[in-house]
Each structure stands twice: as C-alpha cells, then as structure tokens.
C-alpha atoms as a PDB file:
ATOM      1  CA  MET A   1     251.478 112.740  -7.243  1.00  0.00           C
ATOM      2  CA  LEU A   2     248.244 112.434  -9.126  1.00  0.00           C
ATOM      3  CA  ILE A   3     245.291 113.586  -8.031  1.00  0.00           C
ATOM      4  CA  ALA A   4     241.706 111.019  -8.544  1.00  0.00           C
ATOM      5  CA  GLU A   5     239.760 113.886  -7.589  1.00  0.00           C
ATOM      6  CA  PRO A   6     237.827 115.599 -10.037  1.00  0.00           C
ATOM      7  CA  VAL A   7     239.520 119.029 -11.072  1.00  0.00           C
ATOM      8  CA  PRO A   8     238.915 121.901  -8.970  1.00  0.00           C
ATOM      9  CA  GLU A   9     237.268 125.275 -10.114  1.00  0.00           C
ATOM     10  CA  GLY A  10     239.422 127.261 -11.525  1.00  0.00           C
ATOM     11  CA  ALA A  11     241.912 124.968 -11.981  1.00  0.00           C
ATOM     12  CA  THR A  12     244.965 125.991 -14.359  1.00  0.00           C
ATOM     13  CA  ALA A  13     246.469 123.832 -17.759  1.00  0.00           C
ATOM     14  CA  THR A  14     248.996 122.787 -15.214  1.00  0.00           C
ATOM     15  CA  ASP A  15     246.856 121.469 -12.733  1.00  0.00           C
ATOM     16  CA  ILE A  16     244.695 119.703 -15.129  1.00  0.00           C
ATOM     17  CA  LEU A  17     247.793 118.401 -16.897  1.00  0.00           C
ATOM     18  CA  ASN A  18     249.037 116.973 -13.287  1.00  0.00           C
ATOM     19  CA  SER A  19     245.917 115.525 -12.452  1.00  0.00           C
ATOM     20  CA  TRP A  20     244.383 112.230 -12.751  1.00  0.00           C
ATOM     21  CA  ASN A  21     242.229 113.102 -15.610  1.00  0.00           C
ATOM     22  CA  GLY A  22     245.283 114.823 -17.647  1.00  0.00           C
ATOM     23  CA  GLN A  23     247.943 112.261 -17.045  1.00  0.00           C
ATOM     24  CA  THR A  24     245.331 109.118 -17.540  1.00  0.00           C
ATOM     25  CA  GLY A  25     241.777 109.520 -17.728  1.00  0.00           C
ATOM     26  CA  TRP A  26     242.073 110.373 -21.353  1.00  0.00           C
ATOM     27  CA  ARG A  27     243.710 107.289 -22.205  1.00  0.00           C
ATOM     28  CA  TRP A  28     240.685 105.320 -20.918  1.00  0.00           C
ATOM     29  CA  MET A  29     238.408 106.763 -23.140  1.00  0.00           C
ATOM     30  CA  PHE A  30     240.232 105.913 -26.137  1.00  0.00           C
ATOM     31  CA  TRP A  31     240.829 101.981 -25.020  1.00  0.00           C
ATOM     32  CA  ALA A  32     237.054 102.248 -24.378  1.00  0.00           C
ATOM     33  CA  VAL A  33     236.395 102.738 -28.043  1.00  0.00           C
ATOM     34  CA  CYS A  34     238.282  99.890 -29.198  1.00  0.00           C
ATOM     35  CA  VAL A  35     235.054  97.693 -27.425  1.00  0.00           C
ATOM     36  CA  PRO A  36     232.719  98.566 -29.794  1.00  0.00           C
ATOM     37  CA  SER A  37     234.830  98.985 -32.520  1.00  0.00           C
ATOM     38  CA  GLY A  38     236.099  95.726 -32.096  1.00  0.00           C
ATOM     39  CA  LEU A  39     232.620  94.033 -31.982  1.00  0.00           C
ATOM     40  CA  PHE A  40     231.592  95.855 -34.752  1.00  0.00           C
ATOM     41  CA  PHE A  41     234.365  94.143 -37.039  1.00  0.00           C
ATOM     42  CA  LEU A  42     233.626  90.934 -35.738  1.00  0.00           C
ATOM     43  CA  LEU A  43     229.944  91.210 -36.390  1.00  0.00           C
ATOM     44  CA  ALA A  44     230.426  92.536 -39.324  1.00  0.00           C
ATOM     45  CA  LEU A  45     232.246  89.603 -40.633  1.00  0.00           C
ATOM     46  CA  PHE A  46     228.853  87.765 -40.351  1.00  0.00           C
ATOM     47  CA  ILE A  47     226.637  90.493 -42.777  1.00  0.00           C
ATOM     48  CA  PRO A  48     225.801  88.241 -46.053  1.00  0.00           C
ATOM     49  CA  GLU A  49     226.395  90.153 -49.228  1.00  0.00           C
ATOM     50  CA  SER A  50     223.651  92.958 -50.489  1.00  0.00           C
ATOM     51  CA  PRO A  51     221.198  90.439 -52.540  1.00  0.00           C
ATOM     52  CA  ARG A  52     220.644  93.240 -55.095  1.00  0.00           C
ATOM     53  CA  TRP A  53     224.564  93.628 -55.331  1.00  0.00           C
ATOM     54  CA  LEU A  54     224.591  89.283 -56.001  1.00  0.00           C
ATOM     55  CA  ALA A  55     221.690  89.685 -58.385  1.00  0.00           C
ATOM     56  CA  SER A  56     223.603  92.239 -60.394  1.00  0.00           C
ATOM     57  CA  MET A  57     226.549  89.722 -60.679  1.00  0.00           C
ATOM     58  CA  LYS A  58     224.673  87.133 -61.965  1.00  0.00           C
ATOM     59  CA  GLN A  59     224.949  85.098 -58.424  1.00  0.00           C
ATOM     60  CA  MET A  60     221.472  84.670 -58.253  1.00  0.00           C
ATOM     61  CA  GLU A  61     220.881  81.475 -56.394  1.00  0.00           C
ATOM     62  CA  LYS A  62     223.297  83.541 -53.352  1.00  0.00           C
ATOM     63  CA  ALA A  63     220.745  85.937 -53.875  1.00  0.00           C
ATOM     64  CA  ARG A  64     217.844  84.179 -53.253  1.00  0.00           C
ATOM     65  CA  LYS A  65     219.438  82.279 -50.777  1.00  0.00           C
ATOM     66  CA  VAL A  66     220.090  85.565 -48.584  1.00  0.00           C
ATOM     67  CA  LEU A  67     216.319  86.684 -49.411  1.00  0.00           C
ATOM     68  CA  CYS A  68     215.054  83.592 -47.989  1.00  0.00           C
ATOM     69  CA  SER A  69     216.611  84.214 -44.881  1.00  0.00           C
ATOM     70  CA  ILE A  70     214.732  87.628 -44.730  1.00  0.00           C
ATOM     71  CA  GLY A  71     211.530  86.674 -45.725  1.00  0.00           C
ATOM     72  CA  GLY A  72     210.818  83.156 -47.507  1.00  0.00           C
ATOM     73  CA  ALA A  73     211.078  81.751 -50.217  1.00  0.00           C
ATOM     74  CA  ALA A  74     207.611  83.499 -51.832  1.00  0.00           C
ATOM     75  CA  TYR A  75     209.365  86.700 -50.927  1.00  0.00           C
ATOM     76  CA  ALA A  76     212.462  85.820 -52.515  1.00  0.00           C
ATOM     77  CA  ASP A  77     210.583  84.877 -55.554  1.00  0.00           C
ATOM     78  CA  SER A  78     209.253  87.968 -55.818  1.00  0.00           C
ATOM     79  CA  GLU A  79     212.104  90.244 -55.413  1.00  0.00           C
ATOM     80  CA  ILE A  80     214.224  88.057 -57.388  1.00  0.00           C
ATOM     81  CA  GLU A  81     212.014  88.776 -60.506  1.00  0.00           C
ATOM     82  CA  ASN A  82     212.029  92.786 -59.228  1.00  0.00           C
ATOM     83  CA  TYR A  83     215.732  92.424 -59.513  1.00  0.00           C
ATOM     84  CA  THR A  84     215.316  90.769 -63.021  1.00  0.00           C
ATOM     85  CA  ARG A  85     212.966  93.420 -64.535  1.00  0.00           C
ATOM     86  CA  ALA A  86     214.948  96.623 -62.803  1.00  0.00           C
ATOM     87  CA  GLY A  87     218.101  95.194 -64.014  1.00  0.00           C
ATOM     88  CA  ALA A  88     216.932  94.737 -67.503  1.00  0.00           C
ATOM     89  CA  ALA A  89     215.675  98.009 -67.838  1.00  0.00           C
ATOM     90  CA  SER A  90     218.986  99.286 -66.468  1.00  0.00           C
ATOM     91  CA  HIS A  91     220.654  98.077 -69.536  1.00  0.00           C
ATOM     92  CA  ALA A  92     218.754 100.290 -71.783  1.00  0.00           C
ATOM     93  CA  GLU A  93     219.766 103.861 -69.897  1.00  0.00           C
ATOM     94  CA  LYS A  94     222.415 105.972 -70.199  1.00  0.00           C
ATOM     95  CA  GLY A  95     225.961 106.703 -68.599  1.00  0.00           C
ATOM     96  CA  VAL A  96     225.238 106.473 -64.968  1.00  0.00           C
ATOM     97  CA  LEU A  97     226.336 110.169 -63.908  1.00  0.00           C
ATOM     98  CA  SER A  98     224.768 111.614 -66.492  1.00  0.00           C
ATOM     99  CA  LEU A  99     221.543 109.595 -65.540  1.00  0.00           C
ATOM    100  CA  LEU A 100     222.030 110.990 -61.841  1.00  0.00           C
ATOM    101  CA  PHE A 101     221.897 114.721 -62.834  1.00  0.00           C
ATOM    102  CA  SER A 102     219.031 114.038 -65.499  1.00  0.00           C
ATOM    103  CA  SER A 103     216.318 116.033 -65.304  1.00  0.00           C
ATOM    104  CA  LYS A 104     213.654 112.981 -64.355  1.00  0.00           C
ATOM    105  CA  MET A 105     216.341 112.453 -61.441  1.00  0.00           C
ATOM    106  CA  ARG A 106     216.225 116.067 -60.523  1.00  0.00           C
ATOM    107  CA  ASN A 107     213.079 115.136 -57.486  1.00  0.00           C
ATOM    108  CA  VAL A 108     214.824 112.537 -55.927  1.00  0.00           C
ATOM    109  CA  LEU A 109     218.410 114.230 -56.022  1.00  0.00           C
ATOM    110  CA  ILE A 110     217.354 117.193 -54.814  1.00  0.00           C
ATOM    111  CA  ILE A 111     215.667 115.149 -51.578  1.00  0.00           C
ATOM    112  CA  GLY A 112     218.824 113.389 -50.846  1.00  0.00           C
ATOM    113  CA  ILE A 113     221.192 116.431 -50.694  1.00  0.00           C
ATOM    114  CA  VAL A 114     218.642 118.271 -48.865  1.00  0.00           C
ATOM    115  CA  VAL A 115     218.142 115.596 -46.750  1.00  0.00           C
ATOM    116  CA  ALA A 116     221.827 115.022 -45.919  1.00  0.00           C
ATOM    117  CA  MET A 117     222.547 118.528 -45.403  1.00  0.00           C
ATOM    118  CA  PHE A 118     219.727 118.687 -43.037  1.00  0.00           C
ATOM    119  CA  GLN A 119     220.870 115.988 -40.780  1.00  0.00           C
ATOM    120  CA  GLN A 120     224.025 118.447 -40.261  1.00  0.00           C
ATOM    121  CA  TRP A 121     222.262 121.511 -40.068  1.00  0.00           C
ATOM    122  CA  SER A 122     219.662 120.506 -37.150  1.00  0.00           C
ATOM    123  CA  GLY A 123     222.471 121.851 -35.142  1.00  0.00           C
ATOM    124  CA  THR A 124     222.695 118.617 -32.686  1.00  0.00           C
ATOM    125  CA  ASN A 125     226.533 117.919 -33.832  1.00  0.00           C
ATOM    126  CA  VAL A 126     227.379 121.679 -32.331  1.00  0.00           C
ATOM    127  CA  ILE A 127     226.526 119.717 -29.139  1.00  0.00           C
ATOM    128  CA  PHE A 128     228.843 117.297 -28.963  1.00  0.00           C
ATOM    129  CA  ASN A 129     231.713 119.430 -30.886  1.00  0.00           C
ATOM    130  CA  TYR A 130     231.709 122.468 -28.520  1.00  0.00           C
ATOM    131  CA  ALA A 131     230.221 121.306 -25.196  1.00  0.00           C
ATOM    132  CA  GLN A 132     232.652 123.108 -23.642  1.00  0.00           C
ATOM    133  CA  GLU A 133     231.620 126.397 -24.668  1.00  0.00           C
ATOM    134  CA  ILE A 134     227.802 125.431 -24.202  1.00  0.00           C
ATOM    135  CA  PHE A 135     227.872 124.308 -20.991  1.00  0.00           C
ATOM    136  CA  GLN A 136     230.497 127.190 -19.905  1.00  0.00           C
ATOM    137  CA  ALA A 137     228.003 129.132 -20.950  1.00  0.00           C
ATOM    138  CA  ALA A 138     225.254 127.823 -18.842  1.00  0.00           C
ATOM    139  CA  GLY A 139     227.255 128.462 -16.158  1.00  0.00           C
ATOM    140  CA  TYR A 140     229.103 124.878 -15.518  1.00  0.00           C
ATOM    141  CA  GLY A 141     232.557 124.665 -14.749  1.00  0.00           C
ATOM    142  CA  ILE A 142     235.419 122.438 -16.077  1.00  0.00           C
ATOM    143  CA  SER A 143     234.365 119.016 -14.045  1.00  0.00           C
ATOM    144  CA  ASP A 144     230.881 119.690 -14.554  1.00  0.00           C
ATOM    145  CA  VAL A 145     231.196 119.874 -18.112  1.00  0.00           C
ATOM    146  CA  LEU A 146     233.047 116.555 -18.290  1.00  0.00           C
ATOM    147  CA  MET A 147     230.271 114.960 -16.557  1.00  0.00           C
ATOM    148  CA  ASN A 148     227.637 116.742 -18.905  1.00  0.00           C
ATOM    149  CA  ILE A 149     229.237 115.514 -21.841  1.00  0.00           C
ATOM    150  CA  VAL A 150     229.317 111.515 -20.789  1.00  0.00           C
ATOM    151  CA  VAL A 151     225.372 112.273 -20.300  1.00  0.00           C
ATOM    152  CA  THR A 152     224.860 113.596 -23.592  1.00  0.00           C
ATOM    153  CA  GLY A 153     226.820 110.610 -24.626  1.00  0.00           C
ATOM    154  CA  ILE A 154     224.943 107.982 -23.018  1.00  0.00           C
ATOM    155  CA  ALA A 155     221.574 109.430 -24.210  1.00  0.00           C
ATOM    156  CA  ASN A 156     222.568 109.410 -27.621  1.00  0.00           C
ATOM    157  CA  LEU A 157     223.332 105.555 -27.074  1.00  0.00           C
ATOM    158  CA  VAL A 158     219.953 105.035 -25.582  1.00  0.00           C
ATOM    159  CA  PHE A 159     218.156 107.215 -27.988  1.00  0.00           C
ATOM    160  CA  THR A 160     219.422 105.384 -30.770  1.00  0.00           C
ATOM    161  CA  PHE A 161     218.152 102.053 -29.960  1.00  0.00           C
ATOM    162  CA  VAL A 162     215.045 103.514 -29.877  1.00  0.00           C
ATOM    163  CA  ALA A 163     215.331 104.478 -33.631  1.00  0.00           C
ATOM    164  CA  ILE A 164     216.318 101.035 -34.168  1.00  0.00           C
ATOM    165  CA  TYR A 165     213.234 100.005 -32.452  1.00  0.00           C
ATOM    166  CA  THR A 166     210.446 102.484 -33.994  1.00  0.00           C
ATOM    167  CA  VAL A 167     211.769 102.943 -37.416  1.00  0.00           C
ATOM    168  CA  ASP A 168     210.202 100.083 -38.811  1.00  0.00           C
ATOM    169  CA  ARG A 169     206.991 100.686 -36.897  1.00  0.00           C
ATOM    170  CA  LEU A 170     206.398 104.028 -36.669  1.00  0.00           C
ATOM    171  CA  GLY A 171     208.146 105.179 -40.568  1.00  0.00           C
ATOM    172  CA  ARG A 172     211.146 106.678 -41.554  1.00  0.00           C
ATOM    173  CA  LYS A 173     208.610 110.124 -42.613  1.00  0.00           C
ATOM    174  CA  THR A 174     207.046 109.975 -38.937  1.00  0.00           C
ATOM    175  CA  LEU A 175     209.953 110.328 -37.475  1.00  0.00           C
ATOM    176  CA  MET A 176     212.096 112.527 -39.404  1.00  0.00           C
ATOM    177  CA  LEU A 177     208.816 114.891 -39.038  1.00  0.00           C
ATOM    178  CA  THR A 178     209.090 114.345 -34.643  1.00  0.00           C
ATOM    179  CA  GLY A 179     212.772 114.755 -34.728  1.00  0.00           C
ATOM    180  CA  SER A 180     212.946 118.221 -36.854  1.00  0.00           C
ATOM    181  CA  ILE A 181     209.817 119.096 -35.193  1.00  0.00           C
ATOM    182  CA  GLY A 182     210.948 118.176 -31.867  1.00  0.00           C
ATOM    183  CA  LEU A 183     214.379 120.051 -32.405  1.00  0.00           C
ATOM    184  CA  ALA A 184     212.939 123.065 -33.374  1.00  0.00           C
ATOM    185  CA  GLY A 185     210.815 123.299 -30.063  1.00  0.00           C
ATOM    186  CA  ILE A 186     213.434 122.466 -27.993  1.00  0.00           C
ATOM    187  CA  TYR A 187     216.203 124.902 -29.646  1.00  0.00           C
ATOM    188  CA  THR A 188     213.579 127.728 -29.080  1.00  0.00           C
ATOM    189  CA  LEU A 189     213.419 126.808 -25.533  1.00  0.00           C
ATOM    190  CA  LEU A 190     217.254 126.742 -25.284  1.00  0.00           C
ATOM    191  CA  GLY A 191     217.905 129.668 -27.179  1.00  0.00           C
ATOM    192  CA  LEU A 192     215.559 131.547 -24.554  1.00  0.00           C
ATOM    193  CA  SER A 193     216.915 129.922 -21.928  1.00  0.00           C
ATOM    194  CA  TYR A 194     220.387 131.131 -22.816  1.00  0.00           C
ATOM    195  CA  PHE A 195     218.610 134.910 -23.411  1.00  0.00           C
ATOM    196  CA  PHE A 196     217.211 134.898 -19.753  1.00  0.00           C
ATOM    197  CA  GLU A 197     220.022 133.390 -18.678  1.00  0.00           C
ATOM    198  CA  PHE A 198     218.875 130.262 -17.028  1.00  0.00           C
ATOM    199  CA  LYS A 199     221.395 127.989 -15.126  1.00  0.00           C
ATOM    200  CA  GLY A 200     221.984 124.999 -13.984  1.00  0.00           C
ATOM    201  CA  PHE A 201     219.742 121.281 -14.328  1.00  0.00           C
ATOM    202  CA  ILE A 202     217.116 122.877 -16.514  1.00  0.00           C
ATOM    203  CA  MET A 203     219.611 123.434 -19.355  1.00  0.00           C
ATOM    204  CA  ILE A 204     220.907 119.390 -18.910  1.00  0.00           C
ATOM    205  CA  VAL A 205     217.562 118.524 -19.840  1.00  0.00           C
ATOM    206  CA  PHE A 206     217.012 120.684 -23.010  1.00  0.00           C
ATOM    207  CA  VAL A 207     220.541 119.810 -24.278  1.00  0.00           C
ATOM    208  CA  VAL A 208     219.811 115.728 -23.341  1.00  0.00           C
ATOM    209  CA  LEU A 209     216.267 116.502 -25.279  1.00  0.00           C
ATOM    210  CA  ALA A 210     217.824 118.123 -28.274  1.00  0.00           C
ATOM    211  CA  ILE A 211     220.193 115.022 -28.338  1.00  0.00           C
ATOM    212  CA  GLY A 212     217.497 112.584 -28.138  1.00  0.00           C
ATOM    213  CA  PHE A 213     215.166 113.552 -30.926  1.00  0.00           C
ATOM    214  CA  TYR A 214     218.212 113.810 -32.916  1.00  0.00           C
ATOM    215  CA  ALA A 215     219.425 110.324 -32.019  1.00  0.00           C
ATOM    216  CA  MET A 216     215.763 108.517 -32.685  1.00  0.00           C
ATOM    217  CA  SER A 217     215.666 110.563 -35.958  1.00  0.00           C
ATOM    218  CA  LEU A 218     217.805 112.484 -37.997  1.00  0.00           C
ATOM    219  CA  GLY A 219     220.564 110.928 -36.994  1.00  0.00           C
ATOM    220  CA  PRO A 220     220.221 107.334 -37.807  1.00  0.00           C
ATOM    221  CA  VAL A 221     217.116 107.621 -40.378  1.00  0.00           C
ATOM    222  CA  THR A 222     218.685 110.127 -42.287  1.00  0.00           C
ATOM    223  CA  TRP A 223     220.714 106.981 -43.748  1.00  0.00           C
ATOM    224  CA  VAL A 224     217.842 105.116 -44.228  1.00  0.00           C
ATOM    225  CA  LEU A 225     216.149 107.299 -46.184  1.00  0.00           C
ATOM    226  CA  LEU A 226     218.782 107.969 -48.637  1.00  0.00           C
ATOM    227  CA  SER A 227     219.596 104.066 -48.963  1.00  0.00           C
ATOM    228  CA  GLU A 228     215.909 103.805 -50.168  1.00  0.00           C
ATOM    229  CA  ILE A 229     214.620 106.643 -52.278  1.00  0.00           C
ATOM    230  CA  PHE A 230     217.689 106.221 -55.310  1.00  0.00           C
ATOM    231  CA  PRO A 231     217.056 103.705 -58.053  1.00  0.00           C
ATOM    232  CA  ASN A 232     219.804 100.697 -58.525  1.00  0.00           C
ATOM    233  CA  LYS A 233     221.046 102.260 -61.606  1.00  0.00           C
ATOM    234  CA  VAL A 234     222.361 105.091 -59.513  1.00  0.00           C
ATOM    235  CA  ARG A 235     222.313 104.618 -56.135  1.00  0.00           C
ATOM    236  CA  GLY A 236     226.382 103.683 -55.704  1.00  0.00           C
ATOM    237  CA  VAL A 237     226.653 107.406 -57.332  1.00  0.00           C
ATOM    238  CA  ALA A 238     223.595 109.066 -55.813  1.00  0.00           C
ATOM    239  CA  MET A 239     224.915 107.737 -52.188  1.00  0.00           C
ATOM    240  CA  ALA A 240     228.378 109.070 -52.660  1.00  0.00           C
ATOM    241  CA  VAL A 241     226.382 112.509 -53.937  1.00  0.00           C
ATOM    242  CA  CYS A 242     224.734 112.760 -50.800  1.00  0.00           C
ATOM    243  CA  THR A 243     227.492 111.509 -48.142  1.00  0.00           C
ATOM    244  CA  ALA A 244     230.163 114.403 -49.989  1.00  0.00           C
ATOM    245  CA  ALA A 245     226.844 116.968 -49.414  1.00  0.00           C
ATOM    246  CA  LEU A 246     226.426 116.013 -45.603  1.00  0.00           C
ATOM    247  CA  TRP A 247     230.166 116.155 -45.337  1.00  0.00           C
ATOM    248  CA  ILE A 248     230.586 119.540 -46.494  1.00  0.00           C
ATOM    249  CA  ALA A 249     227.484 120.638 -44.543  1.00  0.00           C
ATOM    250  CA  SER A 250     229.166 119.130 -41.031  1.00  0.00           C
ATOM    251  CA  PHE A 251     232.238 120.970 -42.126  1.00  0.00           C
ATOM    252  CA  LEU A 252     229.840 124.413 -42.561  1.00  0.00           C
ATOM    253  CA  LEU A 253     228.307 123.546 -38.981  1.00  0.00           C
ATOM    254  CA  THR A 254     231.424 123.431 -37.311  1.00  0.00           C
ATOM    255  CA  TYR A 255     233.262 126.029 -39.052  1.00  0.00           C
ATOM    256  CA  THR A 256     230.754 128.672 -38.445  1.00  0.00           C
ATOM    257  CA  PHE A 257     229.287 127.698 -35.267  1.00  0.00           C
ATOM    258  CA  PRO A 258     232.149 130.020 -33.358  1.00  0.00           C
ATOM    259  CA  PHE A 259     231.360 133.245 -35.438  1.00  0.00           C
ATOM    260  CA  LEU A 260     227.884 132.807 -34.714  1.00  0.00           C
ATOM    261  CA  ASN A 261     228.297 132.312 -31.045  1.00  0.00           C
ATOM    262  CA  SER A 262     230.555 135.478 -30.788  1.00  0.00           C
ATOM    263  CA  GLY A 263     228.080 137.583 -32.990  1.00  0.00           C
ATOM    264  CA  LEU A 264     224.723 135.719 -32.207  1.00  0.00           C
ATOM    265  CA  GLY A 265     225.681 134.767 -28.420  1.00  0.00           C
ATOM    266  CA  THR A 266     224.425 131.219 -27.536  1.00  0.00           C
ATOM    267  CA  GLY A 267     220.726 131.937 -27.271  1.00  0.00           C
ATOM    268  CA  GLY A 268     220.749 133.312 -31.114  1.00  0.00           C
ATOM    269  CA  THR A 269     222.402 130.572 -32.595  1.00  0.00           C
ATOM    270  CA  PHE A 270     220.355 128.020 -31.190  1.00  0.00           C
ATOM    271  CA  LEU A 271     217.303 130.126 -32.395  1.00  0.00           C
ATOM    272  CA  LEU A 272     218.705 129.931 -35.695  1.00  0.00           C
ATOM    273  CA  TYR A 273     218.761 126.273 -35.553  1.00  0.00           C
ATOM    274  CA  ALA A 274     215.172 126.218 -34.612  1.00  0.00           C
ATOM    275  CA  VAL A 275     214.369 128.042 -37.638  1.00  0.00           C
ATOM    276  CA  ILE A 276     215.943 125.659 -39.962  1.00  0.00           C
ATOM    277  CA  CYS A 277     214.521 122.571 -38.015  1.00  0.00           C
ATOM    278  CA  PHE A 278     211.500 124.167 -38.787  1.00  0.00           C
ATOM    279  CA  CYS A 279     212.261 124.607 -42.343  1.00  0.00           C
ATOM    280  CA  GLY A 280     213.249 120.832 -42.612  1.00  0.00           C
ATOM    281  CA  PHE A 281     210.337 120.280 -41.235  1.00  0.00           C
ATOM    282  CA  LEU A 282     208.265 121.675 -43.869  1.00  0.00           C
ATOM    283  CA  PHE A 283     210.577 120.034 -46.433  1.00  0.00           C
ATOM    284  CA  VAL A 284     209.969 116.597 -45.327  1.00  0.00           C
ATOM    285  CA  TRP A 285     206.528 117.127 -44.953  1.00  0.00           C
ATOM    286  CA  ARG A 286     206.055 118.198 -48.301  1.00  0.00           C
ATOM    287  CA  ARG A 287     208.233 116.291 -50.235  1.00  0.00           C
ATOM    288  CA  ILE A 288     209.708 113.334 -48.564  1.00  0.00           C
ATOM    289  CA  PRO A 289     206.923 109.805 -48.765  1.00  0.00           C
ATOM    290  CA  GLU A 290     207.033 107.050 -46.417  1.00  0.00           C
ATOM    291  CA  THR A 291     209.044 104.470 -47.268  1.00  0.00           C
ATOM    292  CA  LYS A 292     208.200 101.923 -44.889  1.00  0.00           C
ATOM    293  CA  GLY A 293     207.118  99.091 -46.214  1.00  0.00           C
ATOM    294  CA  LYS A 294     207.805  99.646 -50.017  1.00  0.00           C
ATOM    295  CA  SER A 295     210.253  97.819 -51.949  1.00  0.00           C
ATOM    296  CA  LEU A 296     212.688  99.875 -54.072  1.00  0.00           C
ATOM    297  CA  GLU A 297     211.140  99.449 -57.295  1.00  0.00           C
ATOM    298  CA  GLU A 298     207.809 100.785 -56.221  1.00  0.00           C
ATOM    299  CA  LEU A 299     209.554 103.797 -54.444  1.00  0.00           C
ATOM    300  CA  GLU A 300     211.209 104.416 -57.915  1.00  0.00           C
ATOM    301  CA  LYS A 301     207.814 104.465 -59.792  1.00  0.00           C
ATOM    302  CA  GLU A 302     206.846 107.118 -56.813  1.00  0.00           C
ATOM    303  CA  LEU A 303     209.672 109.503 -57.050  1.00  0.00           C
ATOM    304  CA  ILE A 304     210.989 108.982 -60.592  1.00  0.00           C
ATOM    305  CA  LYS A 305     208.703 110.817 -63.039  1.00  0.00           C
END
C-alpha cells in the first residue's frame, strides 16, 4: 500500500521506494516541466527573426519592419544605417576565427570568457545539484530536504522575474556587481554558520538569499551581457566559445564540489566560493562597461581597441 504522507526520518531505501513519492511523486515532477516547456515552444513561434540577421541576409524591409515594431520609424532608420555601415566594414576583415583570436579582440574575448566561467564558479548551481548534502549538513532530514528544494526552486523563479524587471532599469553592470558582492557576503555568513554548527531556519534563509541574488543577477544577466559585448562579425563564434567555457566551468564546479566538501567541509567550501565571488566583483567593477542603452556599434567602439 502506497503512503501519501511525508517519508519518516530514518526511512530505508525500501520505505522510500514503496512510498507515494517513490512511486508517483517523482512522475508528477517530470510532467510539471511539460507545461512551461510547451508554453515556451508555442510562444517561440511568434518571435521575429533578429533584424541584424535579416540585414545580413539583405532582407532590409523585413529588418525595418521588426525594428519599427520595437522603436518606431526613426529608430528603424537609424539602426538600418548602423547595420549597413557595420556590414560594409566587416567585408574588409579577415576570417572570423582569426579575427576573434586577434590582439584587438583580446580584451572583449577575455571579458566574455571570464564572465561566462564566473557565472558557474560563483557556486550557486552547487546548491541545486547537491541540495541534499547541503541541507543534511545543516541538520535537515529527508522530508525537510525535499520541501527545502521546492522552496529554493520557487525563490529562483521569483527572483528571475526581478531580473527581468530591473535589467533595463538598473543596468547590466549594476546587477552583476550587486549579485557578486551579495553572494560573497551571503556565502561568508553561510560558511561561518556551518563552522559554528548553526542549524534550522537561518540556514534556509541564507540559501534562499544566495539563490535570490544569483537569479536576479549572474544567472540571467550573464547571457544578456555576452550577447551585447561582441561585434556583429564575430558574435556567433564568440558566443560559441563563451558558452563552451561556461559549460566547462559548470563541469568543473559540479565535479570538484564533493572533493572540496570532503576536504574543506561545507563551511570551508562556501568560504572559498565567497572569495571567488569577491574576485568576480573586482573584475566586473574594473573591466566591464555598462551596456544599458548602448547600441552594439557603440559598444564595439568602446571595447575594441
């Protein structure tokens, strides 16, 4: 007989397997994902082609129509003129790969790769991937761990909408600085809490705050920033390089956490992530320009020396 109650503390693997969660609950989790995935697919059908891509394909009228829907006729004319100038200049350039790795692109490429890797090495994805170990180290049992994972997922969703609302109001650099220094502070408190063996609700508060800072800044804003800093002629290849760097960093983060957790303890591991986040804050502050309100052509002049 399946039980719908929470799995009791100290339950064996057989108890969990024979429970409602073990037989049915996990299936509902997978089915629930179909709803946002289906909505994403349907809404994607209504996304227009990028006006820059249309311009590169010599489909100027279609590009102008998309731009008019965004900012009006004057904005469309100005952007079309910028596309035309940028396109004419790119024909005189050498191959895309050699251009991307040339000395004049070195600054922007370093910024892109470091930002991509920092998004992962900021450590927040460890909370999602190793939630059980993190919450159990804070004194929670199996049933509480499952509920805490739900809470952190809700926090991630809510604060992502905060990022959507603020990214064009506060700016990309401001959010990246807020997220990195916020995570550095919270990880410091979280690490010290593990060292002093704090338990219970305060640990959930720290974890939710960490997820909140990440979801409103480094998580989504990194992708916005990467899409804006590279010039048209190398953007596709540059994004591929940065995305590869991001997933390599993700692998290293996920692979190394068990070893760090074993060697440094959970507290020491979070203090290490705090140091990484502080270093990321310094890098963003010194090397990354604010991209809010600037065209790609303006950013190209600022970043490509």
